[in-house]
């Protein structure tokens, strides 16, 4: 699903859409509150990127809690605890500019989303973008 819109978003909309990814949804949340107070209708482009960034942020936090909970549970099981500790170490070991493999992957995705939204395009992440596109008003 690669959407294009007949009317191009303005520069401020593209900047806010890019910032909402880089701030993990916070800039978009502020934009939603400002739109609520001024009673302005948000364009589909803005709704799409704001809600997608907030959804991605919440998903990352929930995944972090779930993985942390599972690794804590698995650390009590003999023999498996050493395997879990080794995998956790490898995934969190500094690789590039003191960032771990997980952090590098997350930053690459966020930069991709910020660049495509700044270009005025609808970025696509499988499953997430489809859910967002189905649930926002046009």
N, C-alpha and C. Protein backbone atom coordinates (compact mmCIF):
# COMPACT_ATOMS: atom_id res chain seq x y z
N UNK A 1 0.84 -1.18 0.00
CA UNK A 1 0.00 0.00 0.00
C UNK A 1 0.89 1.24 0.00
N UNK A 2 0.92 1.90 -1.11
CA UNK A 2 1.69 3.13 -1.19
C UNK A 2 0.73 4.20 -1.64
N UNK A 3 0.35 5.08 -0.73
CA UNK A 3 -0.68 6.08 -1.01
C UNK A 3 -0.05 7.36 -1.52
N UNK A 4 -0.74 7.97 -2.41
CA UNK A 4 -0.40 9.33 -2.80
C UNK A 4 -1.66 10.16 -2.67
N UNK A 5 -1.51 11.39 -2.39
CA UNK A 5 -2.65 12.27 -2.21
C UNK A 5 -2.60 13.35 -3.29
N UNK A 6 -3.77 13.71 -3.78
CA UNK A 6 -3.81 14.70 -4.85
C UNK A 6 -3.33 16.07 -4.37
N UNK A 7 -3.64 16.44 -3.15
CA UNK A 7 -3.17 17.72 -2.63
C UNK A 7 -1.94 17.46 -1.76
N UNK A 8 -0.86 18.13 -2.10
CA UNK A 8 0.38 17.96 -1.36
C UNK A 8 0.26 18.64 0.00
N UNK A 9 0.81 18.02 1.04
CA UNK A 9 0.79 18.67 2.35
C UNK A 9 1.73 19.88 2.37
N UNK A 10 1.39 20.82 3.23
CA UNK A 10 2.23 22.01 3.33
C UNK A 10 3.55 21.66 4.03
N UNK A 11 4.48 22.58 3.97
CA UNK A 11 5.79 22.34 4.57
C UNK A 11 5.69 22.14 6.08
N UNK A 12 4.85 22.93 6.77
CA UNK A 12 4.70 22.77 8.21
C UNK A 12 4.11 21.41 8.56
N UNK A 13 3.18 20.94 7.74
CA UNK A 13 2.61 19.61 7.98
C UNK A 13 3.66 18.52 7.79
N UNK A 14 4.51 18.67 6.81
CA UNK A 14 5.56 17.67 6.59
C UNK A 14 6.59 17.71 7.72
N UNK A 15 6.91 18.90 8.21
CA UNK A 15 7.87 19.02 9.31
C UNK A 15 7.29 18.39 10.58
N UNK A 16 6.03 18.69 10.87
CA UNK A 16 5.40 18.12 12.07
C UNK A 16 5.29 16.60 11.94
N UNK A 17 4.96 16.11 10.75
CA UNK A 17 4.87 14.66 10.55
C UNK A 17 6.22 13.99 10.77
N UNK A 18 7.29 14.61 10.30
CA UNK A 18 8.63 14.04 10.51
C UNK A 18 9.02 14.13 11.99
N UNK A 19 8.72 15.25 12.63
CA UNK A 19 9.06 15.41 14.05
C UNK A 19 8.28 14.45 14.94
N UNK A 20 7.08 14.10 14.54
CA UNK A 20 6.29 13.20 15.37
C UNK A 20 6.92 11.81 15.45
N UNK A 21 7.61 11.39 14.39
CA UNK A 21 8.34 10.12 14.46
C UNK A 21 9.60 10.26 15.30
N UNK A 22 10.30 11.36 15.13
CA UNK A 22 11.56 11.54 15.84
C UNK A 22 11.37 11.75 17.34
N UNK A 23 10.17 12.20 17.75
CA UNK A 23 9.88 12.40 19.17
C UNK A 23 8.98 11.29 19.72
N UNK A 24 8.86 10.20 18.97
CA UNK A 24 8.04 9.04 19.37
C UNK A 24 6.59 9.43 19.65
N UNK A 25 6.04 10.29 18.82
CA UNK A 25 4.64 10.65 18.90
C UNK A 25 4.33 11.89 19.72
N UNK A 26 5.28 12.42 20.45
CA UNK A 26 5.00 13.55 21.33
C UNK A 26 4.64 14.81 20.54
N UNK A 27 5.39 15.12 19.49
CA UNK A 27 5.09 16.32 18.69
C UNK A 27 3.72 16.19 18.04
N UNK A 28 3.38 15.00 17.58
CA UNK A 28 2.06 14.77 16.99
C UNK A 28 0.95 14.90 18.01
N UNK A 29 1.20 14.44 19.23
CA UNK A 29 0.21 14.57 20.29
C UNK A 29 -0.05 16.04 20.61
N UNK A 30 1.01 16.84 20.65
CA UNK A 30 0.86 18.29 20.87
C UNK A 30 0.07 18.90 19.71
N UNK A 31 0.36 18.47 18.47
CA UNK A 31 -0.35 18.97 17.30
C UNK A 31 -1.84 18.62 17.38
N UNK A 32 -2.16 17.41 17.87
CA UNK A 32 -3.56 17.02 18.05
C UNK A 32 -4.26 17.89 19.07
N UNK A 33 -3.58 18.19 20.16
CA UNK A 33 -4.16 19.04 21.20
C UNK A 33 -4.37 20.46 20.67
N UNK A 34 -3.39 20.99 19.94
CA UNK A 34 -3.57 22.33 19.34
C UNK A 34 -4.73 22.34 18.36
N UNK A 35 -4.87 21.27 17.58
CA UNK A 35 -5.99 21.17 16.64
C UNK A 35 -7.32 21.08 17.36
N UNK A 36 -7.34 20.45 18.52
CA UNK A 36 -8.56 20.35 19.31
C UNK A 36 -8.97 21.71 19.86
N UNK A 37 -8.00 22.47 20.36
CA UNK A 37 -8.31 23.80 20.90
C UNK A 37 -8.71 24.80 19.82
N UNK A 38 -8.10 24.70 18.64
CA UNK A 38 -8.44 25.63 17.57
C UNK A 38 -9.59 25.13 16.70
N UNK A 39 -10.07 23.92 17.01
CA UNK A 39 -11.18 23.29 16.28
C UNK A 39 -10.86 23.14 14.79
N UNK A 40 -9.59 22.86 14.50
CA UNK A 40 -9.15 22.66 13.12
C UNK A 40 -9.26 21.18 12.76
N UNK A 41 -9.69 20.92 11.54
CA UNK A 41 -9.74 19.55 11.06
C UNK A 41 -8.38 19.17 10.51
N UNK A 42 -7.87 18.04 10.97
CA UNK A 42 -6.58 17.57 10.48
C UNK A 42 -6.76 16.86 9.15
N UNK A 43 -5.83 17.08 8.26
CA UNK A 43 -5.85 16.38 6.98
C UNK A 43 -5.52 14.91 7.20
N UNK A 44 -5.89 14.11 6.23
CA UNK A 44 -5.63 12.67 6.30
C UNK A 44 -4.14 12.40 6.46
N UNK A 45 -3.31 13.17 5.78
CA UNK A 45 -1.85 13.00 5.87
C UNK A 45 -1.37 13.14 7.31
N UNK A 46 -1.84 14.17 7.99
CA UNK A 46 -1.40 14.41 9.37
C UNK A 46 -1.94 13.34 10.31
N UNK A 47 -3.21 12.99 10.16
CA UNK A 47 -3.79 11.95 11.00
C UNK A 47 -3.03 10.64 10.84
N UNK A 48 -2.74 10.29 9.61
CA UNK A 48 -2.04 9.04 9.31
C UNK A 48 -0.70 8.98 10.02
N UNK A 49 0.11 10.02 9.87
CA UNK A 49 1.45 10.00 10.44
C UNK A 49 1.44 10.15 11.97
N UNK A 50 0.57 10.98 12.48
CA UNK A 50 0.51 11.15 13.93
C UNK A 50 0.07 9.86 14.61
N UNK A 51 -1.02 9.27 14.12
CA UNK A 51 -1.51 8.05 14.75
C UNK A 51 -0.57 6.87 14.53
N UNK A 52 0.10 6.82 13.39
CA UNK A 52 1.06 5.75 13.16
C UNK A 52 2.25 5.88 14.11
N UNK A 53 2.73 7.10 14.33
CA UNK A 53 3.86 7.27 15.25
C UNK A 53 3.48 6.94 16.68
N UNK A 54 2.30 7.32 17.10
CA UNK A 54 1.84 7.01 18.45
C UNK A 54 1.65 5.50 18.60
N UNK A 55 1.09 4.86 17.59
CA UNK A 55 0.89 3.41 17.61
C UNK A 55 2.23 2.67 17.69
N UNK A 56 3.20 3.11 16.91
CA UNK A 56 4.53 2.49 16.93
C UNK A 56 5.19 2.69 18.29
N UNK A 57 5.05 3.87 18.87
CA UNK A 57 5.64 4.14 20.19
C UNK A 57 5.04 3.25 21.27
N UNK A 58 3.73 3.14 21.27
CA UNK A 58 3.06 2.29 22.26
C UNK A 58 3.45 0.83 22.05
N UNK A 59 3.54 0.40 20.80
CA UNK A 59 3.94 -0.97 20.50
C UNK A 59 5.35 -1.25 20.99
N UNK A 60 6.27 -0.32 20.77
CA UNK A 60 7.65 -0.51 21.24
C UNK A 60 7.73 -0.61 22.76
N UNK A 61 6.97 0.21 23.45
CA UNK A 61 6.97 0.17 24.92
C UNK A 61 6.40 -1.16 25.41
N UNK A 62 5.26 -1.58 24.83
CA UNK A 62 4.66 -2.85 25.24
C UNK A 62 5.58 -4.03 24.94
N UNK A 63 6.21 -4.05 23.77
CA UNK A 63 7.15 -5.12 23.44
C UNK A 63 8.33 -5.14 24.42
N UNK A 64 8.80 -3.98 24.80
CA UNK A 64 9.89 -3.89 25.75
C UNK A 64 9.50 -4.51 27.09
N UNK A 65 8.30 -4.19 27.58
CA UNK A 65 7.84 -4.76 28.84
C UNK A 65 7.64 -6.27 28.74
N UNK A 66 7.07 -6.73 27.65
CA UNK A 66 6.81 -8.16 27.48
C UNK A 66 8.12 -8.94 27.40
N UNK A 67 9.07 -8.43 26.62
CA UNK A 67 10.36 -9.12 26.49
C UNK A 67 11.11 -9.11 27.82
N UNK A 68 11.05 -8.00 28.53
CA UNK A 68 11.69 -7.92 29.84
C UNK A 68 11.07 -8.92 30.81
N UNK A 69 9.75 -9.01 30.81
CA UNK A 69 9.06 -9.96 31.68
C UNK A 69 9.43 -11.40 31.34
N UNK A 70 9.46 -11.72 30.04
CA UNK A 70 9.80 -13.08 29.63
C UNK A 70 11.25 -13.44 29.96
N UNK A 71 12.17 -12.50 29.75
CA UNK A 71 13.56 -12.81 30.09
C UNK A 71 13.75 -12.97 31.60
N UNK A 72 13.00 -12.23 32.39
CA UNK A 72 13.08 -12.41 33.85
C UNK A 72 12.54 -13.77 34.26
N UNK A 73 11.46 -14.20 33.64
CA UNK A 73 10.90 -15.53 33.95
C UNK A 73 11.87 -16.62 33.50
N UNK A 74 12.42 -16.49 32.29
CA UNK A 74 13.32 -17.52 31.78
C UNK A 74 14.66 -17.56 32.51
N UNK A 75 15.01 -16.49 33.20
CA UNK A 75 16.28 -16.47 33.92
C UNK A 75 16.26 -17.37 35.15
N UNK A 76 15.09 -17.83 35.58
CA UNK A 76 15.00 -18.74 36.72
C UNK A 76 15.12 -20.20 36.32
N UNK A 77 15.06 -20.51 35.03
CA UNK A 77 15.13 -21.89 34.56
C UNK A 77 16.60 -22.26 34.31
N UNK A 78 17.08 -23.30 34.96
CA UNK A 78 18.48 -23.70 34.76
C UNK A 78 18.76 -24.05 33.30
N UNK A 79 19.95 -23.80 32.85
CA UNK A 79 20.44 -24.01 31.49
C UNK A 79 19.86 -23.02 30.49
N UNK A 80 18.60 -22.74 30.57
CA UNK A 80 18.00 -21.75 29.66
C UNK A 80 18.45 -20.35 30.06
N UNK A 81 18.68 -20.13 31.34
CA UNK A 81 19.07 -18.79 31.80
C UNK A 81 20.39 -18.33 31.16
N UNK A 82 21.31 -19.26 30.95
CA UNK A 82 22.58 -18.89 30.31
C UNK A 82 22.37 -18.55 28.84
N UNK A 83 21.51 -19.28 28.16
CA UNK A 83 21.19 -18.99 26.77
C UNK A 83 20.49 -17.64 26.63
N UNK A 84 19.54 -17.38 27.50
CA UNK A 84 18.82 -16.10 27.48
C UNK A 84 19.77 -14.95 27.78
N UNK A 85 20.66 -15.15 28.74
CA UNK A 85 21.64 -14.11 29.07
C UNK A 85 22.56 -13.82 27.89
N UNK A 86 22.98 -14.87 27.18
CA UNK A 86 23.85 -14.69 26.02
C UNK A 86 23.14 -13.96 24.88
N UNK A 87 21.90 -14.34 24.60
CA UNK A 87 21.13 -13.68 23.54
C UNK A 87 20.88 -12.22 23.90
N UNK A 88 20.52 -11.97 25.15
CA UNK A 88 20.29 -10.60 25.60
C UNK A 88 21.55 -9.77 25.48
N UNK A 89 22.67 -10.35 25.84
CA UNK A 89 23.94 -9.63 25.72
C UNK A 89 24.26 -9.31 24.26
N UNK A 90 24.08 -10.28 23.38
CA UNK A 90 24.40 -10.06 21.96
C UNK A 90 23.50 -9.00 21.32
N UNK A 91 22.23 -8.99 21.70
CA UNK A 91 21.31 -8.01 21.12
C UNK A 91 21.52 -6.61 21.69
N UNK A 92 22.07 -6.52 22.89
CA UNK A 92 22.26 -5.22 23.52
C UNK A 92 23.71 -4.75 23.53
N UNK A 93 24.59 -5.50 22.91
CA UNK A 93 26.00 -5.16 22.85
C UNK A 93 26.19 -3.97 21.90
N UNK A 94 27.00 -2.97 22.28
CA UNK A 94 27.23 -1.83 21.38
C UNK A 94 27.89 -2.27 20.08
N UNK A 95 27.30 -1.82 18.97
CA UNK A 95 27.82 -2.21 17.66
C UNK A 95 28.29 -0.99 16.89
N UNK A 96 27.41 -0.03 16.72
CA UNK A 96 27.69 1.12 15.88
C UNK A 96 27.46 2.39 16.69
N UNK A 97 28.51 3.18 16.90
CA UNK A 97 28.43 4.44 17.66
C UNK A 97 27.81 4.21 19.04
N UNK A 98 28.17 3.15 19.69
CA UNK A 98 27.68 2.77 21.02
C UNK A 98 26.18 2.48 21.05
N UNK A 99 25.59 2.15 19.93
CA UNK A 99 24.19 1.74 19.87
C UNK A 99 24.12 0.24 19.65
N UNK A 100 23.16 -0.40 20.30
CA UNK A 100 23.02 -1.84 20.16
C UNK A 100 22.33 -2.17 18.84
N UNK A 101 22.25 -3.45 18.55
CA UNK A 101 21.58 -3.91 17.33
C UNK A 101 20.10 -3.52 17.34
N UNK A 102 19.48 -3.65 18.48
CA UNK A 102 18.06 -3.30 18.60
C UNK A 102 17.86 -1.79 18.41
N UNK A 103 18.68 -0.99 19.07
CA UNK A 103 18.57 0.47 18.94
C UNK A 103 18.83 0.91 17.51
N UNK A 104 19.83 0.32 16.86
CA UNK A 104 20.15 0.68 15.48
C UNK A 104 18.97 0.38 14.56
N UNK A 105 18.35 -0.78 14.74
CA UNK A 105 17.19 -1.14 13.92
C UNK A 105 16.02 -0.19 14.13
N UNK A 106 15.77 0.16 15.38
CA UNK A 106 14.66 1.09 15.67
C UNK A 106 14.95 2.46 15.07
N UNK A 107 16.18 2.95 15.19
CA UNK A 107 16.53 4.26 14.63
C UNK A 107 16.46 4.26 13.11
N UNK A 108 16.84 3.17 12.48
CA UNK A 108 16.74 3.10 11.01
C UNK A 108 15.28 3.20 10.57
N UNK A 109 14.41 2.49 11.25
CA UNK A 109 12.98 2.54 10.91
C UNK A 109 12.43 3.94 11.15
N UNK A 110 12.77 4.56 12.28
CA UNK A 110 12.27 5.91 12.58
C UNK A 110 12.78 6.95 11.59
N UNK A 111 14.03 6.81 11.18
CA UNK A 111 14.58 7.75 10.19
C UNK A 111 13.89 7.57 8.84
N UNK A 112 13.63 6.31 8.45
CA UNK A 112 12.89 6.04 7.22
C UNK A 112 11.50 6.70 7.27
N UNK A 113 10.81 6.53 8.39
CA UNK A 113 9.48 7.11 8.53
C UNK A 113 9.53 8.64 8.51
N UNK A 114 10.51 9.22 9.17
CA UNK A 114 10.64 10.68 9.21
C UNK A 114 10.96 11.23 7.82
N UNK A 115 11.85 10.58 7.09
CA UNK A 115 12.22 11.08 5.76
C UNK A 115 11.05 10.98 4.79
N UNK A 116 10.35 9.84 4.79
CA UNK A 116 9.23 9.70 3.85
C UNK A 116 8.10 10.68 4.18
N UNK A 117 7.86 10.90 5.48
CA UNK A 117 6.80 11.87 5.82
C UNK A 117 7.24 13.29 5.48
N UNK A 118 8.52 13.61 5.63
CA UNK A 118 9.01 14.93 5.26
C UNK A 118 8.93 15.15 3.75
N UNK A 119 9.04 14.08 2.99
CA UNK A 119 8.91 14.17 1.54
C UNK A 119 7.44 14.30 1.11
N UNK A 120 6.51 14.19 2.06
CA UNK A 120 5.10 14.32 1.74
C UNK A 120 4.46 13.03 1.31
N UNK A 121 5.07 11.91 1.64
CA UNK A 121 4.55 10.60 1.24
C UNK A 121 3.99 9.87 2.45
N UNK A 122 3.17 8.88 2.15
CA UNK A 122 2.65 8.00 3.18
C UNK A 122 3.63 6.84 3.33
N UNK A 123 4.31 6.78 4.46
CA UNK A 123 5.24 5.69 4.69
C UNK A 123 4.47 4.42 4.98
N UNK A 124 5.11 3.29 4.71
CA UNK A 124 4.43 2.01 4.87
C UNK A 124 5.25 1.07 5.74
N UNK A 125 4.59 0.58 6.77
CA UNK A 125 5.13 -0.49 7.61
C UNK A 125 4.06 -1.58 7.60
N UNK A 126 4.43 -2.79 7.19
CA UNK A 126 3.42 -3.85 7.10
C UNK A 126 2.63 -3.99 8.40
N UNK A 127 1.38 -4.26 8.28
CA UNK A 127 0.42 -4.48 9.34
C UNK A 127 0.07 -3.17 10.05
N UNK A 128 1.04 -2.38 10.46
CA UNK A 128 0.78 -1.15 11.21
C UNK A 128 0.09 -0.12 10.32
N UNK A 129 0.63 0.12 9.14
CA UNK A 129 0.06 1.12 8.24
C UNK A 129 -1.35 0.74 7.79
N UNK A 130 -1.59 -0.55 7.61
CA UNK A 130 -2.93 -1.00 7.21
C UNK A 130 -3.95 -0.74 8.32
N UNK A 131 -3.56 -1.00 9.55
CA UNK A 131 -4.46 -0.75 10.69
C UNK A 131 -4.75 0.75 10.81
N UNK A 132 -3.73 1.57 10.70
CA UNK A 132 -3.91 3.01 10.82
C UNK A 132 -4.78 3.54 9.70
N UNK A 133 -4.53 3.10 8.49
CA UNK A 133 -5.28 3.60 7.33
C UNK A 133 -6.76 3.21 7.41
N UNK A 134 -7.06 2.06 7.97
CA UNK A 134 -8.45 1.63 8.09
C UNK A 134 -9.21 2.39 9.17
N UNK A 135 -8.50 2.91 10.15
CA UNK A 135 -9.17 3.48 11.32
C UNK A 135 -9.19 5.00 11.41
N UNK A 136 -8.63 5.70 10.44
CA UNK A 136 -8.69 7.16 10.51
C UNK A 136 -9.71 7.66 9.50
N UNK A 137 -10.26 8.82 9.80
CA UNK A 137 -11.28 9.39 8.93
C UNK A 137 -10.63 10.03 7.71
N UNK A 138 -11.37 10.05 6.65
CA UNK A 138 -10.86 10.61 5.40
C UNK A 138 -11.47 11.96 5.15
